[in-house]
Amino acid sequence: CKCQLGYELKYTSGRYSCVDVNECVTNTHRCNLHAECLNTEGSFQC
């Protein structure tokens, strides 16, 4: 079982869980230069 797209496996509080990837922080979004990135659960919006 792999984390859904937009999530990554992290070890937090003694167990592994799928945590939302903040595409706005990791700069993996494809927003326009003149747009703001808004992180959503499992995805992002521009």
All heavy atoms as atom14 arrays in JSON, in Angstrom:
{
  "sequence": "CKCQLGYELKYTSGRYSCVDVNECVTNTHRCNLHAECLNTEGSFQC",
  "atom14_mask": [
    [1, 1, 1, 1, 1, 1, 0, 0, 0, 0, 0, 0, 0, 0],
    [1, 1, 1, 1, 1, 1, 1, 1, 1, 0, 0, 0, 0, 0],
    [1, 1, 1, 1, 1, 1, 0, 0, 0, 0, 0, 0, 0, 0],
    [1, 1, 1, 1, 1, 1, 1, 1, 1, 0, 0, 0, 0, 0],
    [1, 1, 1, 1, 1, 1, 1, 1, 0, 0, 0, 0, 0, 0],
    [1, 1, 1, 1, 0, 0, 0, 0, 0, 0, 0, 0, 0, 0],
    [1, 1, 1, 1, 1, 1, 1, 1, 1, 1, 1, 1, 0, 0],
    [1, 1, 1, 1, 1, 1, 1, 1, 1, 0, 0, 0, 0, 0],
    [1, 1, 1, 1, 1, 1, 1, 1, 0, 0, 0, 0, 0, 0],
    [1, 1, 1, 1, 1, 1, 1, 1, 1, 0, 0, 0, 0, 0],
    [1, 1, 1, 1, 1, 1, 1, 1, 1, 1, 1, 1, 0, 0],
    [1, 1, 1, 1, 1, 1, 1, 0, 0, 0, 0, 0, 0, 0],
    [1, 1, 1, 1, 1, 1, 0, 0, 0, 0, 0, 0, 0, 0],
    [1, 1, 1, 1, 0, 0, 0, 0, 0, 0, 0, 0, 0, 0],
    [1, 1, 1, 1, 1, 1, 1, 1, 1, 1, 1, 0, 0, 0],
    [1, 1, 1, 1, 1, 1, 1, 1, 1, 1, 1, 1, 0, 0],
    [1, 1, 1, 1, 1, 1, 0, 0, 0, 0, 0, 0, 0, 0],
    [1, 1, 1, 1, 1, 1, 0, 0, 0, 0, 0, 0, 0, 0],
    [1, 1, 1, 1, 1, 1, 1, 0, 0, 0, 0, 0, 0, 0],
    [1, 1, 1, 1, 1, 1, 1, 1, 0, 0, 0, 0, 0, 0],
    [1, 1, 1, 1, 1, 1, 1, 0, 0, 0, 0, 0, 0, 0],
    [1, 1, 1, 1, 1, 1, 1, 1, 0, 0, 0, 0, 0, 0],
    [1, 1, 1, 1, 1, 1, 1, 1, 1, 0, 0, 0, 0, 0],
    [1, 1, 1, 1, 1, 1, 0, 0, 0, 0, 0, 0, 0, 0],
    [1, 1, 1, 1, 1, 1, 1, 0, 0, 0, 0, 0, 0, 0],
    [1, 1, 1, 1, 1, 1, 1, 0, 0, 0, 0, 0, 0, 0],
    [1, 1, 1, 1, 1, 1, 1, 1, 0, 0, 0, 0, 0, 0],
    [1, 1, 1, 1, 1, 1, 1, 0, 0, 0, 0, 0, 0, 0],
    [1, 1, 1, 1, 1, 1, 1, 1, 1, 1, 0, 0, 0, 0],
    [1, 1, 1, 1, 1, 1, 1, 1, 1, 1, 1, 0, 0, 0],
    [1, 1, 1, 1, 1, 1, 0, 0, 0, 0, 0, 0, 0, 0],
    [1, 1, 1, 1, 1, 1, 1, 1, 0, 0, 0, 0, 0, 0],
    [1, 1, 1, 1, 1, 1, 1, 1, 0, 0, 0, 0, 0, 0],
    [1, 1, 1, 1, 1, 1, 1, 1, 1, 1, 0, 0, 0, 0],
    [1, 1, 1, 1, 1, 0, 0, 0, 0, 0, 0, 0, 0, 0],
    [1, 1, 1, 1, 1, 1, 1, 1, 1, 0, 0, 0, 0, 0],
    [1, 1, 1, 1, 1, 1, 0, 0, 0, 0, 0, 0, 0, 0],
    [1, 1, 1, 1, 1, 1, 1, 1, 0, 0, 0, 0, 0, 0],
    [1, 1, 1, 1, 1, 1, 1, 1, 0, 0, 0, 0, 0, 0],
    [1, 1, 1, 1, 1, 1, 1, 0, 0, 0, 0, 0, 0, 0],
    [1, 1, 1, 1, 1, 1, 1, 1, 1, 0, 0, 0, 0, 0],
    [1, 1, 1, 1, 0, 0, 0, 0, 0, 0, 0, 0, 0, 0],
    [1, 1, 1, 1, 1, 1, 0, 0, 0, 0, 0, 0, 0, 0],
    [1, 1, 1, 1, 1, 1, 1, 1, 1, 1, 1, 0, 0, 0],
    [1, 1, 1, 1, 1, 1, 1, 1, 1, 0, 0, 0, 0, 0],
    [1, 1, 1, 1, 1, 1, 0, 0, 0, 0, 0, 0, 0, 0]
  ],
  "atom14_positions": [
    [[0.85, -1.19, 0.0], [0.0, 0.0, 0.0], [0.88, 1.24, 0.0], [1.7, 1.42, 0.9], [-0.91, -0.01, 1.22], [-2.04, -1.42, 1.24], [0.0, 0.0, 0.0], [0.0, 0.0, 0.0], [0.0, 0.0, 0.0], [0.0, 0.0, 0.0], [0.0, 0.0, 0.0], [0.0, 0.0, 0.0], [0.0, 0.0, 0.0], [0.0, 0.0, 0.0]],
    [[0.72, 2.05, -1.01], [1.53, 3.26, -1.18], [0.64, 4.47, -0.9], [-0.56, 4.43, -1.14], [2.03, 3.29, -2.63], [3.1, 4.31, -2.91], [3.54, 4.19, -4.36], [4.67, 5.19, -4.64], [5.13, 5.09, -6.03], [0.0, 0.0, 0.0], [0.0, 0.0, 0.0], [0.0, 0.0, 0.0], [0.0, 0.0, 0.0], [0.0, 0.0, 0.0]],
    [[1.25, 5.53, -0.42], [0.47, 6.75, -0.17], [-0.13, 7.25, -1.48], [0.49, 7.18, -2.54], [1.37, 7.84, 0.42], [1.91, 7.48, 2.1], [0.0, 0.0, 0.0], [0.0, 0.0, 0.0], [0.0, 0.0, 0.0], [0.0, 0.0, 0.0], [0.0, 0.0, 0.0], [0.0, 0.0, 0.0], [0.0, 0.0, 0.0], [0.0, 0.0, 0.0]],
    [[-1.34, 7.78, -1.38], [-1.99, 8.38, -2.55], [-1.15, 9.54, -3.05], [-0.36, 10.11, -2.3], [-3.39, 8.91, -2.17], [-4.38, 7.85, -1.75], [-5.05, 7.14, -2.92], [-4.57, 7.19, -4.05], [-6.12, 6.46, -2.64], [0.0, 0.0, 0.0], [0.0, 0.0, 0.0], [0.0, 0.0, 0.0], [0.0, 0.0, 0.0], [0.0, 0.0, 0.0]],
    [[-1.35, 9.89, -4.32], [-0.65, 11.05, -4.87], [-1.0, 12.27, -4.04], [-2.16, 12.46, -3.66], [-1.06, 11.26, -6.35], [-0.55, 10.19, -7.32], [-1.21, 10.32, -8.67], [0.97, 10.23, -7.46], [0.0, 0.0, 0.0], [0.0, 0.0, 0.0], [0.0, 0.0, 0.0], [0.0, 0.0, 0.0], [0.0, 0.0, 0.0], [0.0, 0.0, 0.0]],
    [[-0.01, 13.09, -3.74], [-0.24, 14.27, -2.91], [0.04, 14.02, -1.44], [-0.09, 14.92, -0.62], [0.0, 0.0, 0.0], [0.0, 0.0, 0.0], [0.0, 0.0, 0.0], [0.0, 0.0, 0.0], [0.0, 0.0, 0.0], [0.0, 0.0, 0.0], [0.0, 0.0, 0.0], [0.0, 0.0, 0.0], [0.0, 0.0, 0.0], [0.0, 0.0, 0.0]],
    [[0.41, 12.76, -1.12], [0.75, 12.4, 0.26], [2.12, 11.74, 0.28], [2.57, 11.18, -0.72], [-0.28, 11.41, 0.85], [-1.65, 12.01, 1.05], [-2.58, 12.03, 0.01], [-2.01, 12.55, 2.27], [-3.84, 12.58, 0.19], [-3.28, 13.1, 2.47], [-4.18, 13.11, 1.42], [-5.43, 13.66, 1.61], [0.0, 0.0, 0.0], [0.0, 0.0, 0.0]],
    [[2.79, 11.82, 1.42], [4.08, 11.13, 1.55], [4.13, 10.4, 2.89], [3.47, 10.8, 3.85], [5.25, 12.11, 1.41], [5.33, 13.16, 2.49], [6.48, 14.15, 2.29], [7.39, 13.84, 1.52], [6.44, 15.21, 2.93], [0.0, 0.0, 0.0], [0.0, 0.0, 0.0], [0.0, 0.0, 0.0], [0.0, 0.0, 0.0], [0.0, 0.0, 0.0]],
    [[4.92, 9.32, 2.92], [5.02, 8.51, 4.12], [5.96, 9.19, 5.12], [7.1, 9.49, 4.8], [5.55, 7.12, 3.75], [5.34, 6.02, 4.78], [3.86, 5.74, 5.0], [6.02, 4.74, 4.33], [0.0, 0.0, 0.0], [0.0, 0.0, 0.0], [0.0, 0.0, 0.0], [0.0, 0.0, 0.0], [0.0, 0.0, 0.0], [0.0, 0.0, 0.0]],
    [[5.43, 9.42, 6.33], [6.24, 10.06, 7.38], [6.09, 9.25, 8.66], [5.04, 8.69, 8.92], [5.74, 11.48, 7.64], [6.17, 12.5, 6.58], [7.09, 13.56, 7.18], [7.66, 14.49, 6.14], [6.85, 15.69, 5.94], [0.0, 0.0, 0.0], [0.0, 0.0, 0.0], [0.0, 0.0, 0.0], [0.0, 0.0, 0.0], [0.0, 0.0, 0.0]],
    [[7.18, 9.22, 9.44], [7.16, 8.53, 10.72], [6.92, 9.56, 11.81], [7.79, 10.34, 12.16], [8.49, 7.79, 10.94], [8.5, 6.89, 12.16], [7.82, 5.68, 12.14], [9.18, 7.26, 13.32], [7.83, 4.84, 13.25], [9.19, 6.43, 14.44], [8.51, 5.23, 14.39], [8.52, 4.41, 15.49], [0.0, 0.0, 0.0], [0.0, 0.0, 0.0]],
    [[5.68, 9.58, 12.3], [5.35, 10.55, 13.33], [4.65, 9.85, 14.49], [3.87, 8.94, 14.27], [4.42, 11.67, 12.78], [3.34, 11.06, 12.09], [5.16, 12.61, 11.86], [0.0, 0.0, 0.0], [0.0, 0.0, 0.0], [0.0, 0.0, 0.0], [0.0, 0.0, 0.0], [0.0, 0.0, 0.0], [0.0, 0.0, 0.0], [0.0, 0.0, 0.0]],
    [[4.92, 10.31, 15.67], [4.39, 9.78, 16.93], [4.33, 8.25, 16.97], [3.31, 7.65, 17.25], [3.01, 10.4, 17.25], [2.08, 10.15, 16.22], [0.0, 0.0, 0.0], [0.0, 0.0, 0.0], [0.0, 0.0, 0.0], [0.0, 0.0, 0.0], [0.0, 0.0, 0.0], [0.0, 0.0, 0.0], [0.0, 0.0, 0.0], [0.0, 0.0, 0.0]],
    [[5.49, 7.65, 16.64], [5.65, 6.2, 16.78], [5.03, 5.34, 15.7], [5.01, 4.12, 15.82], [0.0, 0.0, 0.0], [0.0, 0.0, 0.0], [0.0, 0.0, 0.0], [0.0, 0.0, 0.0], [0.0, 0.0, 0.0], [0.0, 0.0, 0.0], [0.0, 0.0, 0.0], [0.0, 0.0, 0.0], [0.0, 0.0, 0.0], [0.0, 0.0, 0.0]],
    [[4.54, 5.97, 14.63], [4.01, 5.11, 13.54], [4.13, 5.82, 12.19], [4.28, 7.05, 12.12], [2.57, 4.7, 13.81], [1.56, 5.82, 13.79], [0.18, 5.35, 14.25], [-0.83, 6.34, 13.93], [-1.62, 6.28, 12.87], [-1.54, 5.29, 12.03], [-2.51, 7.24, 12.65], [0.0, 0.0, 0.0], [0.0, 0.0, 0.0], [0.0, 0.0, 0.0]],
    [[4.07, 5.0, 11.15], [4.12, 5.54, 9.79], [2.72, 5.93, 9.35], [1.77, 5.19, 9.54], [4.68, 4.5, 8.81], [6.17, 4.33, 8.91], [6.74, 3.28, 9.63], [7.03, 5.22, 8.26], [8.12, 3.13, 9.73], [8.41, 5.06, 8.35], [8.95, 4.02, 9.07], [10.3, 3.88, 9.16], [0.0, 0.0, 0.0], [0.0, 0.0, 0.0]],
    [[2.61, 7.09, 8.75], [1.31, 7.49, 8.2], [1.53, 8.35, 6.96], [2.61, 8.92, 6.75], [0.47, 8.22, 9.24], [1.22, 9.27, 9.8], [0.0, 0.0, 0.0], [0.0, 0.0, 0.0], [0.0, 0.0, 0.0], [0.0, 0.0, 0.0], [0.0, 0.0, 0.0], [0.0, 0.0, 0.0], [0.0, 0.0, 0.0], [0.0, 0.0, 0.0]],
    [[0.49, 8.43, 6.14], [0.56, 9.22, 4.92], [0.14, 10.65, 5.25], [-0.98, 10.89, 5.7], [-0.34, 8.62, 3.85], [0.25, 7.01, 3.29], [0.0, 0.0, 0.0], [0.0, 0.0, 0.0], [0.0, 0.0, 0.0], [0.0, 0.0, 0.0], [0.0, 0.0, 0.0], [0.0, 0.0, 0.0], [0.0, 0.0, 0.0], [0.0, 0.0, 0.0]],
    [[1.06, 11.57, 5.05], [0.84, 12.97, 5.41], [0.77, 13.8, 4.13], [1.5, 13.56, 3.17], [1.99, 13.47, 6.33], [1.81, 14.92, 6.7], [2.07, 12.61, 7.57], [0.0, 0.0, 0.0], [0.0, 0.0, 0.0], [0.0, 0.0, 0.0], [0.0, 0.0, 0.0], [0.0, 0.0, 0.0], [0.0, 0.0, 0.0], [0.0, 0.0, 0.0]],
    [[-0.11, 14.79, 4.15], [-0.28, 15.67, 2.99], [1.03, 16.37, 2.64], [1.75, 16.84, 3.51], [-1.36, 16.72, 3.32], [-1.45, 17.78, 2.23], [-1.63, 17.4, 1.07], [-1.32, 18.97, 2.57], [0.0, 0.0, 0.0], [0.0, 0.0, 0.0], [0.0, 0.0, 0.0], [0.0, 0.0, 0.0], [0.0, 0.0, 0.0], [0.0, 0.0, 0.0]],
    [[1.33, 16.4, 1.33], [2.52, 17.12, 0.85], [2.08, 18.56, 0.58], [1.09, 18.8, -0.13], [3.06, 16.47, -0.46], [4.17, 17.31, -1.05], [3.55, 15.06, -0.2], [0.0, 0.0, 0.0], [0.0, 0.0, 0.0], [0.0, 0.0, 0.0], [0.0, 0.0, 0.0], [0.0, 0.0, 0.0], [0.0, 0.0, 0.0], [0.0, 0.0, 0.0]],
    [[2.8, 19.52, 1.14], [2.49, 20.93, 0.87], [3.27, 21.34, -0.38], [4.45, 21.71, -0.31], [2.87, 21.8, 2.07], [2.39, 23.24, 1.91], [2.18, 23.72, 0.79], [2.22, 23.91, 3.03], [0.0, 0.0, 0.0], [0.0, 0.0, 0.0], [0.0, 0.0, 0.0], [0.0, 0.0, 0.0], [0.0, 0.0, 0.0], [0.0, 0.0, 0.0]],
    [[2.58, 21.24, -1.54], [3.24, 21.52, -2.82], [3.72, 22.96, -2.91], [4.67, 23.26, -3.65], [2.28, 21.22, -3.99], [1.94, 19.75, -4.17], [0.79, 19.25, -3.29], [0.25, 20.05, -2.49], [0.44, 18.07, -3.42], [0.0, 0.0, 0.0], [0.0, 0.0, 0.0], [0.0, 0.0, 0.0], [0.0, 0.0, 0.0], [0.0, 0.0, 0.0]],
    [[3.06, 23.86, -2.16], [3.43, 25.28, -2.2], [4.8, 25.5, -1.54], [5.58, 26.33, -1.98], [2.37, 26.12, -1.49], [0.71, 25.89, -2.19], [0.0, 0.0, 0.0], [0.0, 0.0, 0.0], [0.0, 0.0, 0.0], [0.0, 0.0, 0.0], [0.0, 0.0, 0.0], [0.0, 0.0, 0.0], [0.0, 0.0, 0.0], [0.0, 0.0, 0.0]],
    [[5.09, 24.71, -0.5], [6.36, 24.83, 0.22], [7.46, 24.07, -0.51], [8.59, 24.54, -0.64], [6.21, 24.33, 1.68], [7.56, 24.29, 2.39], [5.23, 25.21, 2.45], [0.0, 0.0, 0.0], [0.0, 0.0, 0.0], [0.0, 0.0, 0.0], [0.0, 0.0, 0.0], [0.0, 0.0, 0.0], [0.0, 0.0, 0.0], [0.0, 0.0, 0.0]],
    [[7.13, 22.88, -1.0], [8.14, 22.05, -1.67], [8.4, 22.53, -3.1], [9.27, 21.99, -3.78], [7.7, 20.57, -1.7], [6.43, 20.48, -2.37], [7.6, 19.98, -0.31], [0.0, 0.0, 0.0], [0.0, 0.0, 0.0], [0.0, 0.0, 0.0], [0.0, 0.0, 0.0], [0.0, 0.0, 0.0], [0.0, 0.0, 0.0], [0.0, 0.0, 0.0]],
    [[7.61, 23.51, -3.54], [7.75, 24.09, -4.88], [7.52, 23.07, -6.0], [8.17, 23.11, -7.03], [9.13, 24.75, -5.03], [9.02, 26.14, -5.65], [7.91, 26.69, -5.76], [10.14, 26.7, -6.06], [0.0, 0.0, 0.0], [0.0, 0.0, 0.0], [0.0, 0.0, 0.0], [0.0, 0.0, 0.0], [0.0, 0.0, 0.0], [0.0, 0.0, 0.0]],
    [[6.63, 22.14, -5.74], [6.3, 21.13, -6.76], [4.99, 21.48, -7.47], [4.46, 20.68, -8.22], [6.2, 19.73, -6.12], [5.31, 19.81, -5.01], [7.55, 19.2, -5.67], [0.0, 0.0, 0.0], [0.0, 0.0, 0.0], [0.0, 0.0, 0.0], [0.0, 0.0, 0.0], [0.0, 0.0, 0.0], [0.0, 0.0, 0.0], [0.0, 0.0, 0.0]],
    [[4.49, 22.7, -7.24], [3.27, 23.14, -7.93], [3.62, 23.65, -9.33], [4.79, 23.87, -9.66], [2.56, 24.24, -7.11], [3.41, 25.46, -6.94], [3.49, 26.45, -7.88], [4.22, 25.84, -5.91], [4.3, 27.39, -7.47], [4.78, 27.04, -6.26], [0.0, 0.0, 0.0], [0.0, 0.0, 0.0], [0.0, 0.0, 0.0], [0.0, 0.0, 0.0]],
    [[2.57, 23.84, -10.15], [2.78, 24.35, -11.5], [2.01, 25.67, -11.68], [1.48, 25.96, -12.74], [2.31, 23.32, -12.54], [3.05, 22.0, -12.43], [2.55, 20.96, -13.44], [1.1, 20.79, -13.43], [0.42, 20.1, -12.52], [1.05, 19.53, -11.52], [-0.91, 19.97, -12.61], [0.0, 0.0, 0.0], [0.0, 0.0, 0.0], [0.0, 0.0, 0.0]],
    [[1.93, 26.44, -10.58], [1.19, 27.71, -10.65], [1.97, 28.73, -11.49], [3.21, 28.71, -11.52], [0.98, 28.28, -9.25], [-0.11, 27.26, -8.22], [0.0, 0.0, 0.0], [0.0, 0.0, 0.0], [0.0, 0.0, 0.0], [0.0, 0.0, 0.0], [0.0, 0.0, 0.0], [0.0, 0.0, 0.0], [0.0, 0.0, 0.0], [0.0, 0.0, 0.0]],
    [[1.2, 29.62, -12.1], [1.78, 30.68, -12.9], [2.61, 31.61, -12.02], [2.35, 31.72, -10.81], [0.63, 31.46, -13.58], [1.14, 32.44, -14.61], [1.5, 33.56, -14.27], [1.15, 32.02, -15.87], [0.0, 0.0, 0.0], [0.0, 0.0, 0.0], [0.0, 0.0, 0.0], [0.0, 0.0, 0.0], [0.0, 0.0, 0.0], [0.0, 0.0, 0.0]],
    [[3.55, 32.28, -12.63], [4.41, 33.22, -11.92], [3.59, 34.32, -11.24], [3.98, 34.84, -10.2], [5.38, 33.83, -12.95], [6.59, 34.58, -12.41], [7.53, 33.64, -11.68], [7.32, 35.28, -13.56], [0.0, 0.0, 0.0], [0.0, 0.0, 0.0], [0.0, 0.0, 0.0], [0.0, 0.0, 0.0], [0.0, 0.0, 0.0], [0.0, 0.0, 0.0]],
    [[2.42, 34.64, -11.84], [1.56, 35.7, -11.31], [0.37, 35.1, -10.55], [-0.72, 35.65, -10.57], [1.07, 36.61, -12.44], [2.2, 37.2, -13.23], [3.05, 38.15, -12.71], [2.63, 36.95, -14.5], [3.96, 38.45, -13.63], [3.73, 37.74, -14.72], [0.0, 0.0, 0.0], [0.0, 0.0, 0.0], [0.0, 0.0, 0.0], [0.0, 0.0, 0.0]],
    [[0.59, 33.94, -9.93], [-0.49, 33.29, -9.17], [0.0, 32.9, -7.8], [1.2, 32.74, -7.56], [-0.99, 32.06, -9.93], [0.0, 0.0, 0.0], [0.0, 0.0, 0.0], [0.0, 0.0, 0.0], [0.0, 0.0, 0.0], [0.0, 0.0, 0.0], [0.0, 0.0, 0.0], [0.0, 0.0, 0.0], [0.0, 0.0, 0.0], [0.0, 0.0, 0.0]],
    [[-0.93, 32.75, -6.89], [-0.62, 32.28, -5.54], [-0.93, 30.79, -5.46], [-1.92, 30.33, -6.02], [-1.49, 33.03, -4.53], [-1.02, 34.42, -4.21], [-1.97, 35.13, -3.26], [-2.66, 34.43, -2.48], [-2.03, 36.37, -3.3], [0.0, 0.0, 0.0], [0.0, 0.0, 0.0], [0.0, 0.0, 0.0], [0.0, 0.0, 0.0], [0.0, 0.0, 0.0]],
    [[-0.11, 30.09, -4.71], [-0.34, 28.65, -4.5], [-1.08, 28.46, -3.18], [-0.68, 29.03, -2.16], [0.99, 27.92, -4.49], [0.84, 26.17, -4.1], [0.0, 0.0, 0.0], [0.0, 0.0, 0.0], [0.0, 0.0, 0.0], [0.0, 0.0, 0.0], [0.0, 0.0, 0.0], [0.0, 0.0, 0.0], [0.0, 0.0, 0.0], [0.0, 0.0, 0.0]],
    [[-2.14, 27.67, -3.22], [-2.9, 27.36, -2.0], [-2.88, 25.86, -1.78], [-3.33, 25.09, -2.64], [-4.36, 27.84, -2.15], [-4.56, 29.33, -2.46], [-5.97, 29.58, -2.95], [-4.29, 30.16, -1.21], [0.0, 0.0, 0.0], [0.0, 0.0, 0.0], [0.0, 0.0, 0.0], [0.0, 0.0, 0.0], [0.0, 0.0, 0.0], [0.0, 0.0, 0.0]],
    [[-2.33, 25.44, -0.67], [-2.26, 24.0, -0.39], [-3.63, 23.47, 0.01], [-4.38, 24.1, 0.74], [-1.24, 23.72, 0.73], [-1.04, 22.23, 0.95], [-0.76, 21.5, 0.02], [-1.21, 21.8, 2.18], [0.0, 0.0, 0.0], [0.0, 0.0, 0.0], [0.0, 0.0, 0.0], [0.0, 0.0, 0.0], [0.0, 0.0, 0.0], [0.0, 0.0, 0.0]],
    [[-3.97, 22.27, -0.5], [-5.21, 21.58, -0.1], [-4.83, 20.18, 0.32], [-3.71, 19.73, 0.07], [-6.23, 21.52, -1.28], [-5.64, 20.76, -2.34], [-6.64, 22.89, -1.76], [0.0, 0.0, 0.0], [0.0, 0.0, 0.0], [0.0, 0.0, 0.0], [0.0, 0.0, 0.0], [0.0, 0.0, 0.0], [0.0, 0.0, 0.0], [0.0, 0.0, 0.0]],
    [[-5.75, 19.48, 0.94], [-5.48, 18.1, 1.4], [-5.25, 17.2, 0.18], [-6.14, 16.97, -0.61], [-6.67, 17.61, 2.23], [-6.43, 16.3, 2.96], [-5.4, 16.37, 4.08], [-5.21, 17.45, 4.68], [-4.77, 15.34, 4.33], [0.0, 0.0, 0.0], [0.0, 0.0, 0.0], [0.0, 0.0, 0.0], [0.0, 0.0, 0.0], [0.0, 0.0, 0.0]],
    [[-4.01, 16.77, 0.02], [-3.67, 15.85, -1.07], [-3.41, 16.54, -2.39], [-3.07, 15.89, -3.37], [0.0, 0.0, 0.0], [0.0, 0.0, 0.0], [0.0, 0.0, 0.0], [0.0, 0.0, 0.0], [0.0, 0.0, 0.0], [0.0, 0.0, 0.0], [0.0, 0.0, 0.0], [0.0, 0.0, 0.0], [0.0, 0.0, 0.0], [0.0, 0.0, 0.0]],
    [[-3.56, 17.85, -2.43], [-3.36, 18.56, -3.7], [-3.02, 20.03, -3.44], [-2.52, 20.37, -2.37], [-4.62, 18.43, -4.56], [-4.37, 18.91, -5.87], [0.0, 0.0, 0.0], [0.0, 0.0, 0.0], [0.0, 0.0, 0.0], [0.0, 0.0, 0.0], [0.0, 0.0, 0.0], [0.0, 0.0, 0.0], [0.0, 0.0, 0.0], [0.0, 0.0, 0.0]],
    [[-3.3, 20.89, -4.42], [-3.07, 22.33, -4.31], [-3.95, 23.06, -5.32], [-4.48, 22.45, -6.25], [-1.59, 22.66, -4.55], [-1.12, 22.35, -5.94], [-1.1, 23.34, -6.93], [-0.7, 21.07, -6.29], [-0.68, 23.05, -8.21], [-0.28, 20.78, -7.57], [-0.27, 21.77, -8.55], [0.0, 0.0, 0.0], [0.0, 0.0, 0.0], [0.0, 0.0, 0.0]],
    [[-4.08, 24.36, -5.12], [-4.84, 25.2, -6.06], [-4.0, 26.42, -6.4], [-3.16, 26.85, -5.61], [-6.16, 25.66, -5.43], [-7.21, 24.57, -5.35], [-8.49, 25.03, -4.68], [-8.53, 26.07, -4.01], [-9.54, 24.26, -4.85], [0.0, 0.0, 0.0], [0.0, 0.0, 0.0], [0.0, 0.0, 0.0], [0.0, 0.0, 0.0], [0.0, 0.0, 0.0]],
    [[-4.25, 26.96, -7.58], [-3.56, 28.17, -8.01], [-4.59, 29.27, -8.23], [-5.62, 29.03, -8.87], [-2.81, 27.92, -9.31], [-1.58, 26.59, -9.18], [0.0, 0.0, 0.0], [0.0, 0.0, 0.0], [0.0, 0.0, 0.0], [0.0, 0.0, 0.0], [0.0, 0.0, 0.0], [0.0, 0.0, 0.0], [0.0, 0.0, 0.0], [0.0, 0.0, 0.0]]
  ]
}
